[in-house]
Amino acid sequence: MIHTPHKGVKVRELTRKMALELYEVRETIEGLAARLGAGRGTSEIIAEMETCLEEQEIIQVTWGIEEEKA
């Protein structure tokens, strides 16, 4: 959000770099959620989580985002 006095607030434009950084943060948070949920989740919930990860991989391929190798 960008606030300009006497003009109001508008949404900041998202650059490709910013989007990639947001996905890195999201990837970390989702990994933590998956670890915590795996110990508590049912087989149905775990299957749904796996589907979500597969969809994320498809998006990464579509956008040409390469995963960093540790």
PDB file of N, CA and C in Angstrom:
ATOM      1  N   MET A   1       0.833  -1.160   0.000  1.00  0.00           N
ATOM      2  CA  MET A   1       0.000   0.000   0.000  1.00  0.00           C
ATOM      3  C   MET A   1       0.893   1.243   0.000  1.00  0.00           C
ATOM      4  N   ILE A   2       0.483   2.196  -0.788  1.00  0.00           N
ATOM      5  CA  ILE A   2       1.188   3.473  -0.848  1.00  0.00           C
ATOM      6  C   ILE A   2       0.197   4.559  -0.457  1.00  0.00           C
ATOM      7  N   HIS A   3       0.557   5.317   0.570  1.00  0.00           N
ATOM      8  CA  HIS A   3      -0.317   6.410   1.017  1.00  0.00           C
ATOM      9  C   HIS A   3       0.273   7.735   0.559  1.00  0.00           C
ATOM     10  N   THR A   4      -0.515   8.493  -0.153  1.00  0.00           N
ATOM     11  CA  THR A   4      -0.120   9.823  -0.593  1.00  0.00           C
ATOM     12  C   THR A   4      -1.048  10.825   0.093  1.00  0.00           C
ATOM     13  N   PRO A   5      -0.486  11.734   0.891  1.00  0.00           N
ATOM     14  CA  PRO A   5      -1.336  12.712   1.581  1.00  0.00           C
ATOM     15  C   PRO A   5      -2.254  13.453   0.611  1.00  0.00           C
ATOM     16  N   HIS A   6      -3.498  13.613   1.003  1.00  0.00           N
ATOM     17  CA  HIS A   6      -4.531  14.327   0.250  1.00  0.00           C
ATOM     18  C   HIS A   6      -4.928  13.642  -1.050  1.00  0.00           C
ATOM     19  N   LYS A   7      -4.380  12.445  -1.313  1.00  0.00           N
ATOM     20  CA  LYS A   7      -4.745  11.716  -2.520  1.00  0.00           C
ATOM     21  C   LYS A   7      -5.290  10.325  -2.199  1.00  0.00           C
ATOM     22  N   GLY A   8      -4.944   9.807  -1.054  1.00  0.00           N
ATOM     23  CA  GLY A   8      -5.468   8.504  -0.658  1.00  0.00           C
ATOM     24  C   GLY A   8      -4.434   7.400  -0.706  1.00  0.00           C
ATOM     25  N   VAL A   9      -4.959   6.196  -0.728  1.00  0.00           N
ATOM     26  CA  VAL A   9      -4.123   5.001  -0.687  1.00  0.00           C
ATOM     27  C   VAL A   9      -4.346   4.193  -1.951  1.00  0.00           C
ATOM     28  N   LYS A  10      -3.281   3.616  -2.482  1.00  0.00           N
ATOM     29  CA  LYS A  10      -3.413   2.722  -3.626  1.00  0.00           C
ATOM     30  C   LYS A  10      -2.501   1.517  -3.408  1.00  0.00           C
ATOM     31  N   VAL A  11      -2.801   0.470  -4.129  1.00  0.00           N
ATOM     32  CA  VAL A  11      -2.029  -0.757  -4.024  1.00  0.00           C
ATOM     33  C   VAL A  11      -0.750  -0.596  -4.834  1.00  0.00           C
ATOM     34  N   ARG A  12       0.353  -0.967  -4.213  1.00  0.00           N
ATOM     35  CA  ARG A  12       1.647  -0.879  -4.879  1.00  0.00           C
ATOM     36  C   ARG A  12       1.728  -1.932  -5.987  1.00  0.00           C
ATOM     37  N   GLU A  13       2.343  -1.569  -7.102  1.00  0.00           N
ATOM     38  CA  GLU A  13       2.509  -2.510  -8.207  1.00  0.00           C
ATOM     39  C   GLU A  13       3.493  -3.594  -7.800  1.00  0.00           C
ATOM     40  N   LEU A  14       3.150  -4.832  -8.099  1.00  0.00           N
ATOM     41  CA  LEU A  14       3.982  -5.974  -7.739  1.00  0.00           C
ATOM     42  C   LEU A  14       4.922  -6.289  -8.899  1.00  0.00           C
ATOM     43  N   THR A  15       6.219  -6.182  -8.646  1.00  0.00           N
ATOM     44  CA  THR A  15       7.203  -6.512  -9.678  1.00  0.00           C
ATOM     45  C   THR A  15       7.465  -8.013  -9.661  1.00  0.00           C
ATOM     46  N   ARG A  16       8.078  -8.507 -10.692  1.00  0.00           N
ATOM     47  CA  ARG A  16       8.432  -9.937 -10.756  1.00  0.00           C
ATOM     48  C   ARG A  16       9.341 -10.310  -9.590  1.00  0.00           C
ATOM     49  N   LYS A  17      10.312  -9.453  -9.279  1.00  0.00           N
ATOM     50  CA  LYS A  17      11.235  -9.727  -8.169  1.00  0.00           C
ATOM     51  C   LYS A  17      10.471  -9.827  -6.850  1.00  0.00           C
ATOM     52  N   MET A  18       9.546  -8.911  -6.625  1.00  0.00           N
ATOM     53  CA  MET A  18       8.757  -8.931  -5.399  1.00  0.00           C
ATOM     54  C   MET A  18       7.915 -10.202  -5.327  1.00  0.00           C
ATOM     55  N   ALA A  19       7.338 -10.604  -6.446  1.00  0.00           N
ATOM     56  CA  ALA A  19       6.518 -11.815  -6.481  1.00  0.00           C
ATOM     57  C   ALA A  19       7.360 -13.044  -6.145  1.00  0.00           C
ATOM     58  N   LEU A  20       8.558 -13.109  -6.689  1.00  0.00           N
ATOM     59  CA  LEU A  20       9.439 -14.240  -6.400  1.00  0.00           C
ATOM     60  C   LEU A  20       9.820 -14.271  -4.921  1.00  0.00           C
ATOM     61  N   GLU A  21      10.086 -13.102  -4.346  1.00  0.00           N
ATOM     62  CA  GLU A  21      10.418 -13.036  -2.922  1.00  0.00           C
ATOM     63  C   GLU A  21       9.235 -13.474  -2.065  1.00  0.00           C
ATOM     64  N   LEU A  22       8.035 -13.067  -2.458  1.00  0.00           N
ATOM     65  CA  LEU A  22       6.835 -13.483  -1.725  1.00  0.00           C
ATOM     66  C   LEU A  22       6.648 -14.998  -1.787  1.00  0.00           C
ATOM     67  N   TYR A  23       6.927 -15.589  -2.942  1.00  0.00           N
ATOM     68  CA  TYR A  23       6.810 -17.038  -3.055  1.00  0.00           C
ATOM     69  C   TYR A  23       7.838 -17.752  -2.186  1.00  0.00           C
ATOM     70  N   GLU A  24       9.029 -17.178  -2.033  1.00  0.00           N
ATOM     71  CA  GLU A  24      10.027 -17.776  -1.147  1.00  0.00           C
ATOM     72  C   GLU A  24       9.534 -17.792   0.295  1.00  0.00           C
ATOM     73  N   VAL A  25       8.949 -16.697   0.732  1.00  0.00           N
ATOM     74  CA  VAL A  25       8.398 -16.628   2.090  1.00  0.00           C
ATOM     75  C   VAL A  25       7.253 -17.624   2.227  1.00  0.00           C
ATOM     76  N   ARG A  26       6.383 -17.639   1.248  1.00  0.00           N
ATOM     77  CA  ARG A  26       5.230 -18.556   1.285  1.00  0.00           C
ATOM     78  C   ARG A  26       5.694 -20.005   1.336  1.00  0.00           C
ATOM     79  N   GLU A  27       6.728 -20.315   0.555  1.00  0.00           N
ATOM     80  CA  GLU A  27       7.255 -21.682   0.527  1.00  0.00           C
ATOM     81  C   GLU A  27       7.746 -22.105   1.914  1.00  0.00           C
ATOM     82  N   THR A  28       8.415 -21.211   2.606  1.00  0.00           N
ATOM     83  CA  THR A  28       8.907 -21.508   3.952  1.00  0.00           C
ATOM     84  C   THR A  28       7.761 -21.720   4.930  1.00  0.00           C
ATOM     85  N   ILE A  29       6.784 -20.828   4.886  1.00  0.00           N
ATOM     86  CA  ILE A  29       5.645 -20.927   5.797  1.00  0.00           C
ATOM     87  C   ILE A  29       4.829 -22.190   5.505  1.00  0.00           C
ATOM     88  N   GLU A  30       4.630 -22.505   4.237  1.00  0.00           N
ATOM     89  CA  GLU A  30       3.862 -23.698   3.895  1.00  0.00           C
ATOM     90  C   GLU A  30       4.593 -24.964   4.317  1.00  0.00           C
ATOM     91  N   GLY A  31       5.924 -24.945   4.231  1.00  0.00           N
ATOM     92  CA  GLY A  31       6.703 -26.100   4.689  1.00  0.00           C
ATOM     93  C   GLY A  31       6.517 -26.338   6.178  1.00  0.00           C
ATOM     94  N   LEU A  32       6.552 -25.265   6.951  1.00  0.00           N
ATOM     95  CA  LEU A  32       6.323 -25.369   8.391  1.00  0.00           C
ATOM     96  C   LEU A  32       4.916 -25.879   8.672  1.00  0.00           C
ATOM     97  N   ALA A  33       3.932 -25.337   7.990  1.00  0.00           N
ATOM     98  CA  ALA A  33       2.549 -25.774   8.182  1.00  0.00           C
ATOM     99  C   ALA A  33       2.394 -27.256   7.830  1.00  0.00           C
ATOM    100  N   ALA A  34       3.061 -27.696   6.783  1.00  0.00           N
ATOM    101  CA  ALA A  34       2.979 -29.101   6.381  1.00  0.00           C
ATOM    102  C   ALA A  34       3.582 -30.015   7.447  1.00  0.00           C
ATOM    103  N   ARG A  35       4.733 -29.618   7.987  1.00  0.00           N
ATOM    104  CA  ARG A  35       5.352 -30.433   9.038  1.00  0.00           C
ATOM    105  C   ARG A  35       4.468 -30.527  10.268  1.00  0.00           C
ATOM    106  N   LEU A  36       3.914 -29.386  10.679  1.00  0.00           N
ATOM    107  CA  LEU A  36       3.042 -29.382  11.858  1.00  0.00           C
ATOM    108  C   LEU A  36       1.755 -30.159  11.604  1.00  0.00           C
ATOM    109  N   GLY A  37       1.199 -29.990  10.421  1.00  0.00           N
ATOM    110  CA  GLY A  37      -0.055 -30.650  10.094  1.00  0.00           C
ATOM    111  C   GLY A  37       0.082 -32.136   9.830  1.00  0.00           C
ATOM    112  N   ALA A  38       1.235 -32.563   9.346  1.00  0.00           N
ATOM    113  CA  ALA A  38       1.420 -33.975   9.013  1.00  0.00           C
ATOM    114  C   ALA A  38       1.264 -34.865  10.239  1.00  0.00           C
ATOM    115  N   GLY A  39       1.693 -34.377  11.373  1.00  0.00           N
ATOM    116  CA  GLY A  39       1.572 -35.164  12.596  1.00  0.00           C
ATOM    117  C   GLY A  39       0.155 -35.213  13.124  1.00  0.00           C
ATOM    118  N   ARG A  40      -0.674 -34.305  12.690  1.00  0.00           N
ATOM    119  CA  ARG A  40      -2.050 -34.194  13.191  1.00  0.00           C
ATOM    120  C   ARG A  40      -3.094 -34.519  12.136  1.00  0.00           C
ATOM    121  N   GLY A  41      -2.674 -34.585  10.892  1.00  0.00           N
ATOM    122  CA  GLY A  41      -3.630 -34.677   9.795  1.00  0.00           C
ATOM    123  C   GLY A  41      -4.097 -36.088   9.491  1.00  0.00           C
ATOM    124  N   THR A  42      -5.239 -36.157   8.872  1.00  0.00           N
ATOM    125  CA  THR A  42      -5.775 -37.416   8.386  1.00  0.00           C
ATOM    126  C   THR A  42      -5.191 -37.693   7.007  1.00  0.00           C
ATOM    127  N   SER A  43      -5.413 -38.890   6.503  1.00  0.00           N
ATOM    128  CA  SER A  43      -4.904 -39.228   5.168  1.00  0.00           C
ATOM    129  C   SER A  43      -5.539 -38.338   4.101  1.00  0.00           C
ATOM    130  N   GLU A  44      -6.798 -37.919   4.309  1.00  0.00           N
ATOM    131  CA  GLU A  44      -7.462 -37.033   3.350  1.00  0.00           C
ATOM    132  C   GLU A  44      -6.800 -35.657   3.323  1.00  0.00           C
ATOM    133  N   ILE A  45      -6.470 -35.143   4.484  1.00  0.00           N
ATOM    134  CA  ILE A  45      -5.823 -33.824   4.556  1.00  0.00           C
ATOM    135  C   ILE A  45      -4.447 -33.878   3.924  1.00  0.00           C
ATOM    136  N   ILE A  46      -3.703 -34.936   4.199  1.00  0.00           N
ATOM    137  CA  ILE A  46      -2.360 -35.076   3.624  1.00  0.00           C
ATOM    138  C   ILE A  46      -2.447 -35.174   2.103  1.00  0.00           C
ATOM    139  N   ALA A  47      -3.424 -35.896   1.577  1.00  0.00           N
ATOM    140  CA  ALA A  47      -3.600 -36.001   0.120  1.00  0.00           C
ATOM    141  C   ALA A  47      -3.911 -34.632  -0.483  1.00  0.00           C
ATOM    142  N   GLU A  48      -4.731 -33.841   0.201  1.00  0.00           N
ATOM    143  CA  GLU A  48      -5.051 -32.503  -0.291  1.00  0.00           C
ATOM    144  C   GLU A  48      -3.802 -31.609  -0.306  1.00  0.00           C
ATOM    145  N   MET A  49      -2.965 -31.738   0.716  1.00  0.00           N
ATOM    146  CA  MET A  49      -1.725 -30.964   0.762  1.00  0.00           C
ATOM    147  C   MET A  49      -0.797 -31.349  -0.376  1.00  0.00           C
ATOM    148  N   GLU A  50      -0.725 -32.640  -0.682  1.00  0.00           N
ATOM    149  CA  GLU A  50       0.117 -33.087  -1.794  1.00  0.00           C
ATOM    150  C   GLU A  50      -0.385 -32.523  -3.118  1.00  0.00           C
ATOM    151  N   THR A  51      -1.689 -32.462  -3.279  1.00  0.00           N
ATOM    152  CA  THR A  51      -2.276 -31.875  -4.487  1.00  0.00           C
ATOM    153  C   THR A  51      -1.886 -30.406  -4.620  1.00  0.00           C
ATOM    154  N   CYS A  52      -1.939 -29.680  -3.505  1.00  0.00           N
ATOM    155  CA  CYS A  52      -1.558 -28.262  -3.516  1.00  0.00           C
ATOM    156  C   CYS A  52      -0.106 -28.085  -3.941  1.00  0.00           C
ATOM    157  N   LEU A  53       0.780 -28.937  -3.432  1.00  0.00           N
ATOM    158  CA  LEU A  53       2.190 -28.851  -3.805  1.00  0.00           C
ATOM    159  C   LEU A  53       2.389 -29.144  -5.291  1.00  0.00           C
ATOM    160  N   GLU A  54       1.660 -30.124  -5.804  1.00  0.00           N
ATOM    161  CA  GLU A  54       1.746 -30.426  -7.236  1.00  0.00           C
ATOM    162  C   GLU A  54       1.299 -29.230  -8.077  1.00  0.00           C
ATOM    163  N   GLU A  55       0.223 -28.561  -7.649  1.00  0.00           N
ATOM    164  CA  GLU A  55      -0.248 -27.378  -8.370  1.00  0.00           C
ATOM    165  C   GLU A  55       0.788 -26.255  -8.326  1.00  0.00           C
ATOM    166  N   GLN A  56       1.455 -26.096  -7.188  1.00  0.00           N
ATOM    167  CA  GLN A  56       2.490 -25.071  -7.076  1.00  0.00           C
ATOM    168  C   GLN A  56       3.645 -25.374  -8.030  1.00  0.00           C
ATOM    169  N   GLU A  57       4.014 -26.642  -8.137  1.00  0.00           N
ATOM    170  CA  GLU A  57       5.090 -27.022  -9.055  1.00  0.00           C
ATOM    171  C   GLU A  57       4.711 -26.702 -10.501  1.00  0.00           C
ATOM    172  N   ILE A  58       3.448 -26.924 -10.859  1.00  0.00           N
ATOM    173  CA  ILE A  58       2.986 -26.609 -12.220  1.00  0.00           C
ATOM    174  C   ILE A  58       3.111 -25.105 -12.479  1.00  0.00           C
ATOM    175  N   ILE A  59       2.750 -24.297 -11.494  1.00  0.00           N
ATOM    176  CA  ILE A  59       2.858 -22.838 -11.637  1.00  0.00           C
ATOM    177  C   ILE A  59       4.318 -22.435 -11.806  1.00  0.00           C
ATOM    178  N   GLN A  60       5.210 -23.041 -11.020  1.00  0.00           N
ATOM    179  CA  GLN A  60       6.631 -22.715 -11.132  1.00  0.00           C
ATOM    180  C   GLN A  60       7.161 -23.031 -12.530  1.00  0.00           C
ATOM    181  N   VAL A  61       6.765 -24.162 -13.072  1.00  0.00           N
ATOM    182  CA  VAL A  61       7.205 -24.538 -14.421  1.00  0.00           C
ATOM    183  C   VAL A  61       6.628 -23.568 -15.444  1.00  0.00           C
ATOM    184  N   THR A  62       5.349 -23.229 -15.298  1.00  0.00           N
ATOM    185  CA  THR A  62       4.679 -22.326 -16.231  1.00  0.00           C
ATOM    186  C   THR A  62       5.354 -20.964 -16.240  1.00  0.00           C
ATOM    187  N   TRP A  63       5.721 -20.468 -15.047  1.00  0.00           N
ATOM    188  CA  TRP A  63       6.352 -19.145 -14.937  1.00  0.00           C
ATOM    189  C   TRP A  63       7.862 -19.196 -15.177  1.00  0.00           C
ATOM    190  N   GLY A  64       8.423 -20.370 -15.347  1.00  0.00           N
ATOM    191  CA  GLY A  64       9.859 -20.487 -15.560  1.00  0.00           C
ATOM    192  C   GLY A  64      10.672 -20.209 -14.308  1.00  0.00           C
ATOM    193  N   ILE A  65      10.110 -20.545 -13.144  1.00  0.00           N
ATOM    194  CA  ILE A  65      10.811 -20.322 -11.882  1.00  0.00           C
ATOM    195  C   ILE A  65      11.564 -21.584 -11.526  1.00  0.00           C
ATOM    196  N   GLU A  66      12.873 -21.455 -11.385  1.00  0.00           N
ATOM    197  CA  GLU A  66      13.685 -22.619 -11.033  1.00  0.00           C
ATOM    198  C   GLU A  66      13.834 -22.690  -9.523  1.00  0.00           C
ATOM    199  N   GLU A  67      13.733 -23.910  -8.997  1.00  0.00           N
ATOM    200  CA  GLU A  67      13.901 -24.122  -7.570  1.00  0.00           C
ATOM    201  C   GLU A  67      15.384 -24.108  -7.251  1.00  0.00           C
ATOM    202  N   GLU A  68      15.745 -23.426  -6.149  1.00  0.00           N
ATOM    203  CA  GLU A  68      17.146 -23.388  -5.740  1.00  0.00           C
ATOM    204  C   GLU A  68      17.562 -24.743  -5.214  1.00  0.00           C
ATOM    205  N   LYS A  69      18.731 -25.175  -5.586  1.00  0.00           N
ATOM    206  CA  LYS A  69      19.265 -26.438  -5.102  1.00  0.00           C
ATOM    207  C   LYS A  69      20.131 -26.169  -3.880  1.00  0.00           C
ATOM    208  N   ALA A  70      19.846 -26.887  -2.809  1.00  0.00           N
ATOM    209  CA  ALA A  70      20.591 -26.687  -1.553  1.00  0.00           C
ATOM    210  C   ALA A  70      21.966 -27.300  -1.631  1.00  0.00           C
TER     211      ALA A  70
END
